[in-house]
Amino acid sequence: MILHTNISGSGESLVFLHSGLQTGDTDFNYQREYFNKKFTIISPDLRGHGLSHSVEIQNYFEDSASDLLETLNHLELDQIHLVGSSLGSLVAIKFAQMYPERIITLTLSGITTVKPENWMEIHNEDVSHQANLLLNNEAISYFDQLHGQNWEQFLHMGKNASWYPFEDMKLLSSCSFPTLIMVGEAQRNETNVALEYPMNNSNVHIAIVPLAGHLVPSDQPKIYSLILEEFIQQNDDSLAKLK
C-alpha cells in the first residue's frame, strides 16, 4: 500500500519513521524542522497508523517495509537516508534487510538488539501498561482521533511474547551501509549490547545519549539532531570523495 506521507524541504531524501501509535505528523517534530532546509523530509504514517488505514498487521514488519518501498517508488525517490524510532526502527531494519540498495545511511533508536534474559518480565510489564491504557478514556479519545477505531490492534499484537523481531537484528552484524544506533543511557537493555556492534562491523556506529530513555529523538531532540547531522554529513563527504 502507498502510505499517507507528508513531504517538505528540498535536497537529499531524509525519511523519518515514527514510533508506535504516533504518526508522521506527531513524531520527529524538532528534527523535521531542523533538517527542513537541507533535505527533502519524508514523513509517512506507517501501516495502521494515522491516515494509512489497514487492519492487515499479521506480517507487520515485512508488509510495512514493502509499503515503504511502494511509497518511495510512487514518489520517484531512489536512495534515502532512513531514520527510525522504536517501532519505526524495527520497520527500518526490515526495509534495509529487504532493500539494502535503497539505503544511503540508516539511523536507529529505541531498539533492543538481543533478547534479554528477563524478556518475559519486560513483556509482562508492557502488557500491563497497555491494559491500563485501555482504561484511560482521555488516551482512548486521543488515539481514536489520531488513528481511527483500529489502533487497539497493536496492543493485541503486543500481547504475543514473540512479536519482537529479534531475528532481524542480525542485519546489524553484516550491513554494508553506514548505520548509527542512538541509545538513551537510561535503557540498560539497549546500551549493554549495542557497543558490541562496532567491534564486529566498522559500518556500525554507536551514540549513547545522556539523560535520554527509549524515545531518544523526543527526550533529547537537540543532541539527537546534532549527532544525526554529523553522521549524515560525514558519510555524504565520504561518498563524494569516492565519486
Protein backbone atom coordinates (compact mmCIF):
# COMPACT_ATOMS: atom_id res chain seq x y z
CA MET A 1 0.00 0.00 0.00
CA ILE A 2 1.08 3.58 -0.62
CA LEU A 3 1.42 5.26 2.75
CA HIS A 4 -0.06 8.63 3.60
CA THR A 5 3.02 10.83 3.54
CA ASN A 6 3.95 14.43 4.29
CA ILE A 7 6.79 15.96 2.28
CA SER A 8 8.66 19.20 2.85
CA GLY A 9 12.01 20.82 2.09
CA SER A 10 14.45 20.06 -0.72
CA GLY A 11 17.66 18.13 -1.20
CA GLU A 12 18.58 14.53 -0.45
CA SER A 13 15.73 12.38 0.83
CA LEU A 14 15.59 12.01 4.61
CA VAL A 15 12.85 9.61 5.74
CA PHE A 16 11.59 9.58 9.34
CA LEU A 17 9.67 6.51 10.55
CA HIS A 18 7.69 7.28 13.69
CA SER A 19 7.36 5.28 16.90
CA GLY A 20 4.35 3.12 17.75
CA LEU A 21 0.93 4.80 17.95
CA GLN A 22 2.37 8.06 16.62
CA THR A 23 2.22 9.40 13.04
CA GLY A 24 4.40 11.24 10.56
CA ASP A 25 2.85 14.46 11.89
CA THR A 26 3.22 13.81 15.62
CA ASP A 27 6.75 12.37 15.84
CA PHE A 28 10.20 13.80 14.99
CA ASN A 29 8.75 17.33 15.14
CA TYR A 30 12.01 19.01 16.16
CA GLN A 31 14.04 17.01 13.65
CA ARG A 32 11.74 17.74 10.72
CA GLU A 33 12.08 21.47 11.30
CA TYR A 34 15.83 21.20 11.97
CA PHE A 35 16.61 19.38 8.71
CA ASN A 36 13.98 21.01 6.51
CA LYS A 37 16.36 23.50 4.85
CA LYS A 38 18.91 20.90 3.75
CA PHE A 39 16.86 17.80 2.95
CA THR A 40 13.60 16.65 1.43
CA ILE A 41 11.79 15.42 4.54
CA ILE A 42 9.61 12.33 4.02
CA SER A 43 7.25 11.58 6.92
CA PRO A 44 4.92 8.62 6.25
CA ASP A 45 2.22 7.24 8.52
CA LEU A 46 3.15 3.59 8.94
CA ARG A 47 0.62 0.87 8.15
CA GLY A 48 -2.34 1.04 10.55
CA HIS A 49 -1.31 4.47 11.86
CA GLY A 50 -2.75 7.89 11.15
CA LEU A 51 -4.22 8.03 7.66
CA SER A 52 -2.51 4.85 6.43
CA HIS A 53 -5.54 2.77 7.37
CA SER A 54 -5.14 -1.01 7.49
CA VAL A 55 -6.21 -3.93 9.64
CA GLU A 56 -3.69 -6.25 7.97
CA ILE A 57 -0.92 -6.44 10.58
CA GLN A 58 -0.29 -10.18 10.77
CA ASN A 59 3.03 -9.87 8.88
CA TYR A 60 3.61 -6.35 10.05
CA PHE A 61 7.30 -5.65 9.55
CA GLU A 62 7.69 -7.22 6.13
CA ASP A 63 4.44 -5.65 4.90
CA SER A 64 5.46 -2.26 6.30
CA ALA A 65 8.82 -2.47 4.52
CA SER A 66 7.00 -3.27 1.29
CA ASP A 67 4.68 -0.31 1.94
CA LEU A 68 7.66 2.00 2.26
CA LEU A 69 9.20 0.70 -0.96
CA GLU A 70 5.91 1.18 -2.82
CA THR A 71 5.62 4.69 -1.41
CA LEU A 72 9.18 5.65 -2.40
CA ASN A 73 8.64 4.28 -5.90
CA HIS A 74 5.39 6.23 -6.16
CA LEU A 75 7.26 9.40 -5.14
CA GLU A 76 10.07 8.53 -7.59
CA LEU A 77 12.67 8.53 -4.82
CA ASP A 78 15.70 6.28 -5.16
CA GLN A 79 18.25 6.16 -2.34
CA ILE A 80 17.39 7.59 1.06
CA HIS A 81 18.74 8.42 4.48
CA LEU A 82 16.43 6.30 6.65
CA VAL A 83 15.75 7.18 10.29
CA GLY A 84 13.53 5.26 12.71
CA SER A 85 12.45 5.41 16.33
CA SER A 86 11.20 2.36 18.28
CA LEU A 87 8.58 0.69 16.04
CA GLY A 88 9.85 2.83 13.17
CA SER A 89 13.35 1.46 13.75
CA LEU A 90 12.08 -2.10 13.50
CA VAL A 91 10.41 -1.30 10.17
CA ALA A 92 13.60 0.47 9.04
CA ILE A 93 15.70 -2.60 9.85
CA LYS A 94 13.37 -4.85 7.85
CA PHE A 95 13.39 -2.39 4.94
CA ALA A 96 17.20 -2.26 4.97
CA GLN A 97 17.32 -6.05 5.11
CA MET A 98 14.97 -6.43 2.13
CA TYR A 99 16.12 -3.45 0.02
CA PRO A 100 19.71 -2.56 1.01
CA GLU A 101 20.37 -0.92 -2.36
CA ARG A 102 17.95 1.89 -1.40
CA ILE A 103 19.87 2.90 1.75
CA ILE A 104 22.45 5.69 1.93
CA THR A 105 22.56 5.73 5.74
CA LEU A 106 20.47 4.04 8.43
CA THR A 107 19.83 5.60 11.85
CA LEU A 108 18.06 3.69 14.62
CA SER A 109 16.97 4.34 18.19
CA GLY A 110 14.76 2.62 20.71
CA ILE A 111 15.71 -0.94 19.76
CA THR A 112 16.69 -3.96 21.84
CA THR A 113 19.15 -5.79 19.63
CA VAL A 114 19.43 -9.02 21.66
CA LYS A 115 16.65 -10.75 23.56
CA PRO A 116 17.23 -10.01 27.27
CA GLU A 117 17.26 -12.81 29.81
CA ASN A 118 14.37 -11.08 31.59
CA TRP A 119 12.36 -10.62 28.38
CA MET A 120 9.19 -12.16 29.83
CA GLU A 121 9.34 -9.78 32.78
CA ILE A 122 9.74 -6.81 30.43
CA HIS A 123 6.98 -8.14 28.18
CA ASN A 124 4.54 -8.61 31.06
CA GLU A 125 5.19 -5.05 32.25
CA ASP A 126 4.44 -3.75 28.76
CA VAL A 127 1.21 -5.77 28.55
CA SER A 128 0.14 -4.40 31.94
CA HIS A 129 0.86 -0.84 30.81
CA GLN A 130 -1.16 -1.39 27.65
CA ALA A 131 -4.08 -2.78 29.64
CA ASN A 132 -4.06 0.35 31.79
CA LEU A 133 -4.03 2.49 28.65
CA LEU A 134 -7.34 0.96 27.63
CA LEU A 135 -8.83 2.15 30.93
CA ASN A 136 -7.86 5.75 30.22
CA ASN A 137 -10.74 7.45 28.40
CA GLU A 138 -8.67 10.52 27.57
CA ALA A 139 -5.97 8.39 25.94
CA ILE A 140 -8.56 6.34 24.06
CA SER A 141 -10.14 9.52 22.69
CA TYR A 142 -6.74 10.87 21.64
CA PHE A 143 -5.73 7.72 19.76
CA ASP A 144 -9.19 7.36 18.21
CA GLN A 145 -8.80 10.84 16.72
CA LEU A 146 -5.26 10.07 15.55
CA HIS A 147 -5.78 6.63 14.03
CA GLY A 148 -9.47 5.81 13.86
CA GLN A 149 -11.01 2.84 15.65
CA ASN A 150 -8.41 0.16 14.87
CA TRP A 151 -5.36 1.32 16.81
CA GLU A 152 -6.05 -1.17 19.61
CA GLN A 153 -4.96 -3.94 17.24
CA PHE A 154 -1.35 -3.02 18.00
CA LEU A 155 -1.92 -3.60 21.71
CA HIS A 156 -3.33 -7.02 20.90
CA MET A 157 -0.31 -7.73 18.68
CA GLY A 158 1.97 -6.81 21.57
CA LYS A 159 0.39 -9.41 23.85
CA ASN A 160 2.28 -12.10 21.94
CA ALA A 161 5.65 -12.51 23.64
CA SER A 162 7.27 -13.41 20.31
CA TRP A 163 6.15 -10.25 18.45
CA TYR A 164 9.55 -8.54 18.68
CA PRO A 165 11.71 -9.30 15.59
CA PHE A 166 14.97 -10.16 17.33
CA GLU A 167 16.00 -12.31 14.36
CA ASP A 168 16.09 -9.22 12.11
CA MET A 169 18.81 -7.69 14.27
CA LYS A 170 21.37 -9.93 12.54
CA LEU A 171 21.43 -7.24 9.85
CA LEU A 172 23.47 -5.04 12.18
CA SER A 173 26.35 -7.51 12.17
CA SER A 174 26.63 -7.63 8.39
CA CYS A 175 25.25 -4.38 6.92
CA SER A 176 27.41 -2.76 4.25
CA PHE A 177 25.94 0.75 4.57
CA PRO A 178 26.71 3.30 7.32
CA THR A 179 24.50 2.65 10.34
CA LEU A 180 24.10 4.68 13.51
CA ILE A 181 22.42 3.36 16.65
CA MET A 182 21.49 6.04 19.19
CA VAL A 183 20.74 4.71 22.65
CA GLY A 184 19.36 6.51 25.69
CA GLU A 185 21.61 5.91 28.68
CA ALA A 186 18.62 5.01 30.86
CA GLN A 187 17.82 1.95 28.72
CA ARG A 188 20.19 -0.71 30.07
CA ASN A 189 18.86 -3.48 27.83
CA GLU A 190 19.59 -1.28 24.82
CA THR A 191 23.02 0.04 25.88
CA ASN A 192 24.55 -3.19 27.17
CA VAL A 193 24.65 -4.94 23.80
CA ALA A 194 24.85 -2.03 21.34
CA LEU A 195 28.54 -1.37 21.99
CA GLU A 196 29.47 -4.79 20.60
CA TYR A 197 28.41 -3.99 17.03
CA PRO A 198 31.22 -1.56 16.05
CA MET A 199 33.73 -4.19 17.19
CA ASN A 200 32.40 -6.62 14.56
CA ASN A 201 31.29 -4.26 11.80
CA SER A 202 33.07 -0.98 11.03
CA ASN A 203 29.95 0.32 9.27
CA VAL A 204 28.05 0.49 12.57
CA HIS A 205 28.43 3.44 14.94
CA ILE A 206 27.02 3.92 18.43
CA ALA A 207 25.99 7.06 20.32
CA ILE A 208 24.88 6.79 23.94
CA VAL A 209 22.80 9.87 24.64
CA PRO A 210 22.77 11.24 28.21
CA LEU A 211 19.54 11.98 30.04
CA ALA A 212 17.50 10.03 27.50
CA GLY A 213 15.40 6.90 27.61
CA HIS A 214 13.70 4.78 24.98
CA LEU A 215 12.49 7.68 22.79
CA VAL A 216 15.78 9.49 22.22
CA PRO A 217 14.54 11.91 19.49
CA SER A 218 11.95 13.41 21.85
CA ASP A 219 13.92 13.02 25.10
CA GLN A 220 16.97 14.88 23.74
CA PRO A 221 15.93 16.45 20.42
CA LYS A 222 18.85 18.88 20.09
CA ILE A 223 21.58 16.34 20.88
CA TYR A 224 19.90 13.75 18.68
CA SER A 225 19.68 16.15 15.73
CA LEU A 226 23.30 17.30 16.03
CA ILE A 227 24.59 13.72 16.10
CA LEU A 228 22.37 12.70 13.18
CA GLU A 229 23.50 15.73 11.18
CA GLU A 230 27.18 14.95 11.76
CA PHE A 231 26.68 11.28 10.89
CA ILE A 232 24.95 12.07 7.59
CA GLN A 233 27.42 14.82 6.71
CA GLN A 234 30.48 12.64 7.28
CA ASN A 235 29.06 9.87 5.13
CA ASP A 236 28.00 12.28 2.38
CA ASP A 237 31.56 13.65 2.37
CA SER A 238 32.98 10.13 2.14
CA LEU A 239 30.66 9.24 -0.77
CA ALA A 240 31.60 12.47 -2.56
CA LYS A 241 35.30 11.57 -2.38
CA LEU A 242 34.58 8.19 -3.98
CA LYS A 243 32.85 9.74 -7.00
